[in-house]
């Protein structure tokens, strides 16, 4: 399911890359968080992204938070 959410995010205007993860800040409290890298000319906001995703995804597949990044962190491996 995460791949489907990521694909829908990348299809949104202004999104160059996207990664969706399941976060569990407290035991049993899981939520979806989307990390997005915007295009050079536009950085989409959470309201726009949520509205676009709502058109094609079920409510339980909508991320509860959107985090804009300049780039995704890379590890040595």
PDB file of N, CA and C in Angstrom:
ATOM      1  N   UNK A   1       0.805  -1.201   0.000  1.00  0.00           N
ATOM      2  CA  UNK A   1       0.000   0.000   0.000  1.00  0.00           C
ATOM      3  C   UNK A   1       0.851   1.270   0.000  1.00  0.00           C
ATOM      4  N   UNK A   2       2.001   1.244   0.673  1.00  0.00           N
ATOM      5  CA  UNK A   2       2.827   2.447   0.738  1.00  0.00           C
ATOM      6  C   UNK A   2       3.283   2.873  -0.649  1.00  0.00           C
ATOM      7  N   UNK A   3       3.617   1.895  -1.488  1.00  0.00           N
ATOM      8  CA  UNK A   3       4.033   2.202  -2.855  1.00  0.00           C
ATOM      9  C   UNK A   3       2.931   2.873  -3.648  1.00  0.00           C
ATOM     10  N   UNK A   4       1.699   2.458  -3.423  1.00  0.00           N
ATOM     11  CA  UNK A   4       0.562   3.075  -4.114  1.00  0.00           C
ATOM     12  C   UNK A   4       0.387   4.531  -3.682  1.00  0.00           C
ATOM     13  N   UNK A   5       0.539   4.785  -2.395  1.00  0.00           N
ATOM     14  CA  UNK A   5       0.427   6.159  -1.885  1.00  0.00           C
ATOM     15  C   UNK A   5       1.547   7.014  -2.467  1.00  0.00           C
ATOM     16  N   UNK A   6       2.767   6.477  -2.485  1.00  0.00           N
ATOM     17  CA  UNK A   6       3.902   7.206  -3.050  1.00  0.00           C
ATOM     18  C   UNK A   6       3.677   7.520  -4.523  1.00  0.00           C
ATOM     19  N   UNK A   7       3.153   6.557  -5.268  1.00  0.00           N
ATOM     20  CA  UNK A   7       2.893   6.773  -6.696  1.00  0.00           C
ATOM     21  C   UNK A   7       1.866   7.885  -6.900  1.00  0.00           C
ATOM     22  N   UNK A   8       0.841   7.912  -6.075  1.00  0.00           N
ATOM     23  CA  UNK A   8      -0.174   8.962  -6.186  1.00  0.00           C
ATOM     24  C   UNK A   8       0.413  10.331  -5.821  1.00  0.00           C
ATOM     25  N   UNK A   9       1.303  10.360  -4.840  1.00  0.00           N
ATOM     26  CA  UNK A   9       1.953  11.625  -4.474  1.00  0.00           C
ATOM     27  C   UNK A   9       2.824  12.142  -5.612  1.00  0.00           C
ATOM     28  N   UNK A  10       3.604  11.255  -6.220  1.00  0.00           N
ATOM     29  CA  UNK A  10       4.494  11.667  -7.307  1.00  0.00           C
ATOM     30  C   UNK A  10       3.691  12.177  -8.498  1.00  0.00           C
ATOM     31  N   UNK A  11       2.469  11.706  -8.639  1.00  0.00           N
ATOM     32  CA  UNK A  11       1.604  12.175  -9.725  1.00  0.00           C
ATOM     33  C   UNK A  11       1.061  13.583  -9.469  1.00  0.00           C
ATOM     34  N   UNK A  12       1.185  14.073  -8.239  1.00  0.00           N
ATOM     35  CA  UNK A  12       0.691  15.415  -7.901  1.00  0.00           C
ATOM     36  C   UNK A  12       1.626  16.485  -8.462  1.00  0.00           C
ATOM     37  N   UNK A  13       1.031  17.566  -8.909  1.00  0.00           N
ATOM     38  CA  UNK A  13       1.796  18.702  -9.430  1.00  0.00           C
ATOM     39  C   UNK A  13       2.735  19.218  -8.341  1.00  0.00           C
ATOM     40  N   UNK A  14       3.982  19.389  -8.696  1.00  0.00           N
ATOM     41  CA  UNK A  14       4.954  19.957  -7.773  1.00  0.00           C
ATOM     42  C   UNK A  14       5.723  18.949  -6.937  1.00  0.00           C
ATOM     43  N   UNK A  15       5.408  17.658  -7.067  1.00  0.00           N
ATOM     44  CA  UNK A  15       6.121  16.639  -6.288  1.00  0.00           C
ATOM     45  C   UNK A  15       7.102  15.910  -7.203  1.00  0.00           C
ATOM     46  N   UNK A  16       8.379  15.959  -6.822  1.00  0.00           N
ATOM     47  CA  UNK A  16       9.419  15.272  -7.599  1.00  0.00           C
ATOM     48  C   UNK A  16       9.655  13.869  -7.063  1.00  0.00           C
ATOM     49  N   UNK A  17       9.721  13.740  -5.726  1.00  0.00           N
ATOM     50  CA  UNK A  17       9.939  12.445  -5.087  1.00  0.00           C
ATOM     51  C   UNK A  17       9.093  12.366  -3.827  1.00  0.00           C
ATOM     52  N   UNK A  18       8.751  11.139  -3.436  1.00  0.00           N
ATOM     53  CA  UNK A  18       7.953  10.950  -2.226  1.00  0.00           C
ATOM     54  C   UNK A  18       8.268   9.608  -1.584  1.00  0.00           C
ATOM     55  N   UNK A  19       8.263   9.602  -0.269  1.00  0.00           N
ATOM     56  CA  UNK A  19       8.407   8.376   0.510  1.00  0.00           C
ATOM     57  C   UNK A  19       7.359   8.435   1.617  1.00  0.00           C
ATOM     58  N   UNK A  20       6.646   7.339   1.801  1.00  0.00           N
ATOM     59  CA  UNK A  20       5.643   7.260   2.862  1.00  0.00           C
ATOM     60  C   UNK A  20       6.077   6.172   3.834  1.00  0.00           C
ATOM     61  N   UNK A  21       6.032   6.488   5.125  1.00  0.00           N
ATOM     62  CA  UNK A  21       6.410   5.527   6.158  1.00  0.00           C
ATOM     63  C   UNK A  21       5.304   5.443   7.205  1.00  0.00           C
ATOM     64  N   UNK A  22       5.307   4.325   7.918  1.00  0.00           N
ATOM     65  CA  UNK A  22       4.405   4.159   9.054  1.00  0.00           C
ATOM     66  C   UNK A  22       5.197   4.521  10.297  1.00  0.00           C
ATOM     67  N   UNK A  23       4.708   5.513  11.038  1.00  0.00           N
ATOM     68  CA  UNK A  23       5.374   5.917  12.286  1.00  0.00           C
ATOM     69  C   UNK A  23       4.537   5.460  13.458  1.00  0.00           C
ATOM     70  N   UNK A  24       5.214   5.053  14.498  1.00  0.00           N
ATOM     71  CA  UNK A  24       4.549   4.648  15.730  1.00  0.00           C
ATOM     72  C   UNK A  24       5.229   5.397  16.870  1.00  0.00           C
ATOM     73  N   UNK A  25       4.741   6.613  17.140  1.00  0.00           N
ATOM     74  CA  UNK A  25       5.337   7.439  18.184  1.00  0.00           C
ATOM     75  C   UNK A  25       5.044   6.884  19.575  1.00  0.00           C
ATOM     76  N   UNK A  26       3.869   6.300  19.725  1.00  0.00           N
ATOM     77  CA  UNK A  26       3.488   5.644  20.974  1.00  0.00           C
ATOM     78  C   UNK A  26       3.017   4.241  20.624  1.00  0.00           C
ATOM     79  N   UNK A  27       3.272   3.274  21.482  1.00  0.00           N
ATOM     80  CA  UNK A  27       2.860   1.902  21.176  1.00  0.00           C
ATOM     81  C   UNK A  27       1.381   1.823  20.782  1.00  0.00           C
ATOM     82  N   UNK A  28       1.136   1.212  19.626  1.00  0.00           N
ATOM     83  CA  UNK A  28      -0.231   1.044  19.146  1.00  0.00           C
ATOM     84  C   UNK A  28      -0.799   2.227  18.394  1.00  0.00           C
ATOM     85  N   UNK A  29      -0.068   3.336  18.341  1.00  0.00           N
ATOM     86  CA  UNK A  29      -0.553   4.543  17.660  1.00  0.00           C
ATOM     87  C   UNK A  29       0.216   4.723  16.352  1.00  0.00           C
ATOM     88  N   UNK A  30      -0.207   3.981  15.334  1.00  0.00           N
ATOM     89  CA  UNK A  30       0.472   4.036  14.040  1.00  0.00           C
ATOM     90  C   UNK A  30      -0.191   5.065  13.140  1.00  0.00           C
ATOM     91  N   UNK A  31       0.647   5.776  12.375  1.00  0.00           N
ATOM     92  CA  UNK A  31       0.126   6.755  11.420  1.00  0.00           C
ATOM     93  C   UNK A  31       1.054   6.835  10.226  1.00  0.00           C
ATOM     94  N   UNK A  32       0.482   7.267   9.109  1.00  0.00           N
ATOM     95  CA  UNK A  32       1.253   7.429   7.883  1.00  0.00           C
ATOM     96  C   UNK A  32       1.831   8.838   7.818  1.00  0.00           C
ATOM     97  N   UNK A  33       3.099   8.917   7.458  1.00  0.00           N
ATOM     98  CA  UNK A  33       3.760  10.204   7.272  1.00  0.00           C
ATOM     99  C   UNK A  33       4.391  10.199   5.883  1.00  0.00           C
ATOM    100  N   UNK A  34       4.113  11.253   5.122  1.00  0.00           N
ATOM    101  CA  UNK A  34       4.657  11.383   3.769  1.00  0.00           C
ATOM    102  C   UNK A  34       5.780  12.408   3.770  1.00  0.00           C
ATOM    103  N   UNK A  35       6.915  12.022   3.226  1.00  0.00           N
ATOM    104  CA  UNK A  35       8.050  12.922   3.044  1.00  0.00           C
ATOM    105  C   UNK A  35       8.129  13.227   1.554  1.00  0.00           C
ATOM    106  N   UNK A  36       8.098  14.504   1.218  1.00  0.00           N
ATOM    107  CA  UNK A  36       8.074  14.878  -0.199  1.00  0.00           C
ATOM    108  C   UNK A  36       9.181  15.875  -0.526  1.00  0.00           C
ATOM    109  N   UNK A  37       9.691  15.743  -1.743  1.00  0.00           N
ATOM    110  CA  UNK A  37      10.632  16.712  -2.300  1.00  0.00           C
ATOM    111  C   UNK A  37       9.901  17.387  -3.446  1.00  0.00           C
ATOM    112  N   UNK A  38       9.784  18.700  -3.361  1.00  0.00           N
ATOM    113  CA  UNK A  38       9.081  19.449  -4.394  1.00  0.00           C
ATOM    114  C   UNK A  38       9.939  19.679  -5.623  1.00  0.00           C
ATOM    115  N   UNK A  39       9.290  20.078  -6.691  1.00  0.00           N
ATOM    116  CA  UNK A  39      10.022  20.433  -7.905  1.00  0.00           C
ATOM    117  C   UNK A  39      10.667  21.800  -7.707  1.00  0.00           C
ATOM    118  N   UNK A  40      11.557  22.161  -8.609  1.00  0.00           N
ATOM    119  CA  UNK A  40      12.283  23.424  -8.490  1.00  0.00           C
ATOM    120  C   UNK A  40      11.349  24.631  -8.526  1.00  0.00           C
ATOM    121  N   UNK A  41      10.250  24.522  -9.262  1.00  0.00           N
ATOM    122  CA  UNK A  41       9.370  25.677  -9.442  1.00  0.00           C
ATOM    123  C   UNK A  41       8.183  25.721  -8.487  1.00  0.00           C
ATOM    124  N   UNK A  42       7.923  24.625  -7.755  1.00  0.00           N
ATOM    125  CA  UNK A  42       6.731  24.591  -6.913  1.00  0.00           C
ATOM    126  C   UNK A  42       6.923  23.619  -5.765  1.00  0.00           C
ATOM    127  N   UNK A  43       6.538  24.056  -4.577  1.00  0.00           N
ATOM    128  CA  UNK A  43       6.547  23.158  -3.425  1.00  0.00           C
ATOM    129  C   UNK A  43       5.111  23.042  -2.933  1.00  0.00           C
ATOM    130  N   UNK A  44       4.473  21.894  -3.148  1.00  0.00           N
ATOM    131  CA  UNK A  44       3.069  21.742  -2.773  1.00  0.00           C
ATOM    132  C   UNK A  44       2.883  21.744  -1.259  1.00  0.00           C
ATOM    133  N   UNK A  45       1.737  22.243  -0.817  1.00  0.00           N
ATOM    134  CA  UNK A  45       1.465  22.247   0.615  1.00  0.00           C
ATOM    135  C   UNK A  45       0.599  21.042   0.987  1.00  0.00           C
ATOM    136  N   UNK A  46       0.497  20.786   2.283  1.00  0.00           N
ATOM    137  CA  UNK A  46      -0.210  19.610   2.783  1.00  0.00           C
ATOM    138  C   UNK A  46      -1.679  19.606   2.386  1.00  0.00           C
ATOM    139  N   UNK A  47      -2.322  20.755   2.402  1.00  0.00           N
ATOM    140  CA  UNK A  47      -3.742  20.827   2.046  1.00  0.00           C
ATOM    141  C   UNK A  47      -3.957  20.378   0.613  1.00  0.00           C
ATOM    142  N   UNK A  48      -3.150  20.877  -0.302  1.00  0.00           N
ATOM    143  CA  UNK A  48      -3.254  20.492  -1.713  1.00  0.00           C
ATOM    144  C   UNK A  48      -3.017  18.992  -1.876  1.00  0.00           C
ATOM    145  N   UNK A  49      -1.963  18.477  -1.242  1.00  0.00           N
ATOM    146  CA  UNK A  49      -1.637  17.060  -1.383  1.00  0.00           C
ATOM    147  C   UNK A  49      -2.754  16.182  -0.834  1.00  0.00           C
ATOM    148  N   UNK A  50      -3.281  16.541   0.317  1.00  0.00           N
ATOM    149  CA  UNK A  50      -4.370  15.766   0.914  1.00  0.00           C
ATOM    150  C   UNK A  50      -5.592  15.757   0.001  1.00  0.00           C
ATOM    151  N   UNK A  51      -5.930  16.908  -0.576  1.00  0.00           N
ATOM    152  CA  UNK A  51      -7.076  16.994  -1.489  1.00  0.00           C
ATOM    153  C   UNK A  51      -6.860  16.117  -2.717  1.00  0.00           C
ATOM    154  N   UNK A  52      -5.663  16.127  -3.269  1.00  0.00           N
ATOM    155  CA  UNK A  52      -5.374  15.322  -4.451  1.00  0.00           C
ATOM    156  C   UNK A  52      -5.422  13.827  -4.137  1.00  0.00           C
ATOM    157  N   UNK A  53      -4.860  13.436  -3.010  1.00  0.00           N
ATOM    158  CA  UNK A  53      -4.860  12.025  -2.642  1.00  0.00           C
ATOM    159  C   UNK A  53      -6.268  11.526  -2.349  1.00  0.00           C
ATOM    160  N   UNK A  54      -7.085  12.380  -1.783  1.00  0.00           N
ATOM    161  CA  UNK A  54      -8.465  12.015  -1.453  1.00  0.00           C
ATOM    162  C   UNK A  54      -9.255  11.609  -2.704  1.00  0.00           C
ATOM    163  N   UNK A  55      -8.850  12.105  -3.870  1.00  0.00           N
ATOM    164  CA  UNK A  55      -9.537  11.781  -5.119  1.00  0.00           C
ATOM    165  C   UNK A  55      -9.324  10.331  -5.541  1.00  0.00           C
ATOM    166  N   UNK A  56      -8.227   9.718  -5.106  1.00  0.00           N
ATOM    167  CA  UNK A  56      -7.907   8.380  -5.601  1.00  0.00           C
ATOM    168  C   UNK A  56      -7.619   7.336  -4.520  1.00  0.00           C
ATOM    169  N   UNK A  57      -7.528   7.760  -3.272  1.00  0.00           N
ATOM    170  CA  UNK A  57      -7.198   6.816  -2.206  1.00  0.00           C
ATOM    171  C   UNK A  57      -8.293   6.775  -1.145  1.00  0.00           C
ATOM    172  N   UNK A  58      -8.394   5.635  -0.478  1.00  0.00           N
ATOM    173  CA  UNK A  58      -9.328   5.499   0.640  1.00  0.00           C
ATOM    174  C   UNK A  58      -8.840   6.352   1.813  1.00  0.00           C
ATOM    175  N   UNK A  59      -9.753   6.739   2.662  1.00  0.00           N
ATOM    176  CA  UNK A  59      -9.439   7.624   3.793  1.00  0.00           C
ATOM    177  C   UNK A  59      -8.315   7.060   4.669  1.00  0.00           C
ATOM    178  N   UNK A  60      -8.319   5.755   4.914  1.00  0.00           N
ATOM    179  CA  UNK A  60      -7.295   5.166   5.790  1.00  0.00           C
ATOM    180  C   UNK A  60      -5.901   5.171   5.156  1.00  0.00           C
ATOM    181  N   UNK A  61      -5.825   5.483   3.859  1.00  0.00           N
ATOM    182  CA  UNK A  61      -4.534   5.533   3.168  1.00  0.00           C
ATOM    183  C   UNK A  61      -3.968   6.950   3.083  1.00  0.00           C
ATOM    184  N   UNK A  62      -4.668   7.924   3.622  1.00  0.00           N
ATOM    185  CA  UNK A  62      -4.195   9.306   3.571  1.00  0.00           C
ATOM    186  C   UNK A  62      -3.193   9.551   4.691  1.00  0.00           C
ATOM    187  N   UNK A  63      -2.011  10.065   4.366  1.00  0.00           N
ATOM    188  CA  UNK A  63      -1.041  10.392   5.417  1.00  0.00           C
ATOM    189  C   UNK A  63      -1.605  11.436   6.375  1.00  0.00           C
ATOM    190  N   UNK A  64      -1.262  11.300   7.639  1.00  0.00           N
ATOM    191  CA  UNK A  64      -1.717  12.273   8.630  1.00  0.00           C
ATOM    192  C   UNK A  64      -0.789  13.477   8.688  1.00  0.00           C
ATOM    193  N   UNK A  65       0.413  13.330   8.131  1.00  0.00           N
ATOM    194  CA  UNK A  65       1.364  14.441   8.122  1.00  0.00           C
ATOM    195  C   UNK A  65       2.175  14.414   6.834  1.00  0.00           C
ATOM    196  N   UNK A  66       2.556  15.606   6.390  1.00  0.00           N
ATOM    197  CA  UNK A  66       3.388  15.772   5.201  1.00  0.00           C
ATOM    198  C   UNK A  66       4.603  16.590   5.602  1.00  0.00           C
ATOM    199  N   UNK A  67       5.777  16.101   5.246  1.00  0.00           N
ATOM    200  CA  UNK A  67       7.027  16.779   5.586  1.00  0.00           C
ATOM    201  C   UNK A  67       7.761  17.091   4.291  1.00  0.00           C
ATOM    202  N   UNK A  68       8.037  18.370   4.063  1.00  0.00           N
ATOM    203  CA  UNK A  68       8.791  18.783   2.873  1.00  0.00           C
ATOM    204  C   UNK A  68      10.278  18.748   3.179  1.00  0.00           C
ATOM    205  N   UNK A  69      11.033  18.174   2.260  1.00  0.00           N
ATOM    206  CA  UNK A  69      12.483  18.077   2.411  1.00  0.00           C
ATOM    207  C   UNK A  69      13.169  18.600   1.161  1.00  0.00           C
ATOM    208  N   UNK A  70      14.396  19.062   1.329  1.00  0.00           N
ATOM    209  CA  UNK A  70      15.220  19.458   0.186  1.00  0.00           C
ATOM    210  C   UNK A  70      15.740  18.219  -0.535  1.00  0.00           C
ATOM    211  N   UNK A  71      16.098  17.195   0.249  1.00  0.00           N
ATOM    212  CA  UNK A  71      16.611  15.932  -0.286  1.00  0.00           C
ATOM    213  C   UNK A  71      16.402  14.864   0.775  1.00  0.00           C
ATOM    214  N   UNK A  72      16.366  13.618   0.349  1.00  0.00           N
ATOM    215  CA  UNK A  72      16.259  12.523   1.303  1.00  0.00           C
ATOM    216  C   UNK A  72      17.636  12.213   1.857  1.00  0.00           C
ATOM    217  N   UNK A  73      17.733  11.947   3.159  1.00  0.00           N
ATOM    218  CA  UNK A  73      19.031  11.601   3.729  1.00  0.00           C
ATOM    219  C   UNK A  73      19.523  10.272   3.158  1.00  0.00           C
ATOM    220  N   UNK A  74      20.796  10.193   2.909  1.00  0.00           N
ATOM    221  CA  UNK A  74      21.405   8.980   2.374  1.00  0.00           C
ATOM    222  C   UNK A  74      22.352   8.390   3.402  1.00  0.00           C
ATOM    223  N   UNK A  75      22.379   7.068   3.455  1.00  0.00           N
ATOM    224  CA  UNK A  75      23.321   6.405   4.352  1.00  0.00           C
ATOM    225  C   UNK A  75      24.507   5.893   3.541  1.00  0.00           C
ATOM    226  N   UNK A  76      25.565   5.531   4.221  1.00  0.00           N
ATOM    227  CA  UNK A  76      26.766   5.045   3.546  1.00  0.00           C
ATOM    228  C   UNK A  76      26.517   3.716   2.849  1.00  0.00           C
ATOM    229  N   UNK A  77      25.584   2.936   3.337  1.00  0.00           N
ATOM    230  CA  UNK A  77      25.300   1.628   2.732  1.00  0.00           C
ATOM    231  C   UNK A  77      24.351   1.833   1.623  1.00  0.00           C
TER     232      UNK A  77
END
